[in-house]
Amino acid sequence: MNTVINLLMCLHFVGIGMAVGGGIALSQVGPRLIEAPLDQRAIWWPLETFFSRIGPVGLGLLLFTGPLMVWLKFGGPGGFTGWFWAKMTFVALAVISIGLHEWARMRFQRGDERAVPLMFLGGRMAGAAILLVIFCAVFTFN
């Protein structure tokens, strides 16, 4: 069973890397895409789309491996402190924020310039939420 838990933990760390890495990449690509003249945006869209997919895939890995590890290693969340529930609150905020970013990105890709502030808001909220998830995880599991 320890091998399974260790493999799940490895996948969990890969998910964290993907979520954080995708967000960092988007923080650089997004502003360049938005500032680019309309005829040059086609250059940036493939990068924006690629990095916009990395974050949700990483989040999916986290949402898959996290609950499995909690049940396999701890028998469920019953014995956890408030730090665990704070962590789960920030996980929910990260999911909502990534959803907001994706929704706004699709609007912007269809030509709705008004979606840009929502893209930035979703990205920044997701980044902050993920950092807070990591912070709370340290206090939950250590």
Protein backbone atom coordinates (compact mmCIF):
# COMPACT_ATOMS: atom_id res chain seq x y z
CA MET A 1 0.00 0.00 0.00
CA ASN A 2 2.91 2.36 0.69
CA THR A 3 4.02 2.04 -2.93
CA VAL A 4 0.58 3.10 -4.17
CA ILE A 5 0.51 6.06 -1.79
CA ASN A 6 4.03 7.08 -2.86
CA LEU A 7 3.04 6.90 -6.54
CA LEU A 8 -0.05 8.97 -5.83
CA MET A 9 2.09 11.51 -3.98
CA CYS A 10 4.46 11.72 -6.96
CA LEU A 11 1.50 12.35 -9.27
CA HIS A 12 0.20 14.92 -6.78
CA PHE A 13 3.50 16.81 -6.90
CA VAL A 14 3.45 16.67 -10.71
CA GLY A 15 -0.05 18.17 -10.57
CA ILE A 16 1.19 20.99 -8.33
CA GLY A 17 4.03 21.66 -10.75
CA MET A 18 1.68 21.71 -13.72
CA ALA A 19 -0.82 24.01 -12.02
CA VAL A 20 1.82 26.45 -10.81
CA GLY A 21 3.95 26.22 -13.95
CA GLY A 22 0.98 26.74 -16.25
CA GLY A 23 -0.04 29.78 -14.24
CA ILE A 24 3.44 31.29 -14.33
CA ALA A 25 3.65 30.74 -18.08
CA LEU A 26 0.23 32.33 -18.57
CA SER A 27 1.30 35.33 -16.52
CA GLN A 28 3.90 35.98 -19.22
CA VAL A 29 2.03 34.93 -22.36
CA GLY A 30 -1.35 36.48 -21.51
CA PRO A 31 -0.22 40.11 -21.36
CA ARG A 32 1.74 39.73 -24.60
CA LEU A 33 -1.30 38.25 -26.32
CA ILE A 34 -3.53 41.06 -25.12
CA GLU A 35 -1.07 43.80 -26.06
CA ALA A 36 -0.38 42.34 -29.51
CA PRO A 37 -2.02 43.98 -32.51
CA LEU A 38 -4.98 41.99 -33.81
CA ASP A 39 -3.04 40.71 -36.82
CA GLN A 40 -0.26 39.32 -34.56
CA ARG A 41 -2.41 37.61 -31.93
CA ALA A 42 -2.45 34.38 -33.92
CA ILE A 43 1.20 33.94 -32.90
CA TRP A 44 0.32 33.96 -29.20
CA TRP A 45 -2.91 31.94 -29.19
CA PRO A 46 -1.27 28.50 -29.43
CA LEU A 47 0.87 29.27 -26.37
CA GLU A 48 -2.09 30.68 -24.45
CA THR A 49 -4.17 27.63 -25.31
CA PHE A 50 -1.38 25.18 -24.43
CA PHE A 51 -0.61 26.76 -21.05
CA SER A 52 -4.33 27.18 -20.31
CA ARG A 53 -4.63 23.40 -20.60
CA ILE A 54 -1.67 22.58 -18.36
CA GLY A 55 -3.18 24.21 -15.27
CA PRO A 56 -6.54 22.40 -15.41
CA VAL A 57 -4.85 19.06 -16.15
CA GLY A 58 -2.60 19.61 -13.13
CA LEU A 59 -5.62 20.55 -11.05
CA GLY A 60 -7.36 17.39 -12.26
CA LEU A 61 -4.40 15.31 -11.09
CA LEU A 62 -4.59 17.03 -7.71
CA LEU A 63 -8.32 16.44 -7.41
CA PHE A 64 -7.85 12.77 -8.31
CA THR A 65 -4.80 11.93 -6.21
CA GLY A 66 -5.57 14.07 -3.14
CA PRO A 67 -8.77 12.36 -2.01
CA LEU A 68 -7.30 8.93 -2.79
CA MET A 69 -4.31 9.63 -0.55
CA VAL A 70 -6.52 10.99 2.23
CA TRP A 71 -8.62 7.82 2.22
CA LEU A 72 -5.78 5.34 1.70
CA LYS A 73 -3.32 6.89 4.15
CA PHE A 74 -5.58 8.45 6.79
CA GLY A 75 -8.88 6.60 6.41
CA GLY A 76 -10.68 9.83 5.49
CA PRO A 77 -10.64 13.44 6.62
CA GLY A 78 -12.25 12.83 10.04
CA GLY A 79 -9.15 13.43 12.15
CA PHE A 80 -7.91 16.55 10.39
CA THR A 81 -7.78 20.01 11.92
CA GLY A 82 -9.18 23.25 10.57
CA TRP A 83 -6.09 23.59 8.38
CA PHE A 84 -7.38 20.77 6.19
CA TRP A 85 -10.75 22.45 5.74
CA ALA A 86 -9.07 25.78 5.00
CA LYS A 87 -7.02 23.92 2.38
CA MET A 88 -10.20 22.48 0.86
CA THR A 89 -11.75 25.96 0.77
CA PHE A 90 -8.75 27.25 -1.17
CA VAL A 91 -8.92 24.21 -3.48
CA ALA A 92 -12.53 25.16 -4.26
CA LEU A 93 -11.45 28.76 -4.87
CA ALA A 94 -8.70 27.55 -7.22
CA VAL A 95 -11.20 25.45 -9.19
CA ILE A 96 -13.61 28.38 -9.49
CA SER A 97 -10.76 30.76 -10.45
CA ILE A 98 -9.42 28.47 -13.17
CA GLY A 99 -12.97 28.09 -14.46
CA LEU A 100 -13.35 31.88 -14.55
CA HIS A 101 -10.07 32.24 -16.43
CA GLU A 102 -11.07 29.60 -18.98
CA TRP A 103 -14.51 31.12 -19.51
CA ALA A 104 -13.01 34.59 -19.98
CA ARG A 105 -10.26 33.23 -22.25
CA MET A 106 -12.84 31.67 -24.56
CA ARG A 107 -14.80 34.94 -24.65
CA PHE A 108 -11.63 36.87 -25.45
CA GLN A 109 -10.67 34.37 -28.15
CA ARG A 110 -14.06 35.00 -29.80
CA GLY A 111 -13.20 38.70 -29.85
CA ASP A 112 -14.76 40.02 -26.63
CA GLU A 113 -12.14 42.44 -25.31
CA ARG A 114 -14.24 43.01 -22.16
CA ALA A 115 -13.21 39.53 -20.95
CA VAL A 116 -9.56 40.54 -20.43
CA PRO A 117 -9.96 41.79 -16.83
CA LEU A 118 -11.77 38.56 -15.95
CA MET A 119 -8.90 36.53 -17.43
CA PHE A 120 -6.45 38.40 -15.24
CA LEU A 121 -8.69 38.16 -12.18
CA GLY A 122 -9.17 34.41 -12.61
CA GLY A 123 -5.45 33.82 -13.11
CA ARG A 124 -4.39 35.88 -10.13
CA MET A 125 -7.04 34.35 -7.88
CA ALA A 126 -6.00 30.85 -8.95
CA GLY A 127 -2.33 31.58 -8.27
CA ALA A 128 -3.06 32.98 -4.82
CA ALA A 129 -5.43 30.11 -3.99
CA ILE A 130 -2.89 27.47 -5.02
CA LEU A 131 -0.19 29.07 -2.88
CA LEU A 132 -2.59 29.13 0.06
CA VAL A 133 -3.46 25.47 -0.57
CA ILE A 134 0.23 24.61 -0.32
CA PHE A 135 0.61 26.71 2.83
CA CYS A 136 -2.37 25.01 4.50
CA ALA A 137 -1.16 21.58 3.36
CA VAL A 138 2.08 22.07 5.27
CA PHE A 139 0.13 22.66 8.48
CA THR A 140 -2.33 19.87 7.71
CA PHE A 141 0.13 17.07 7.01
CA ASN A 142 3.20 18.03 9.00
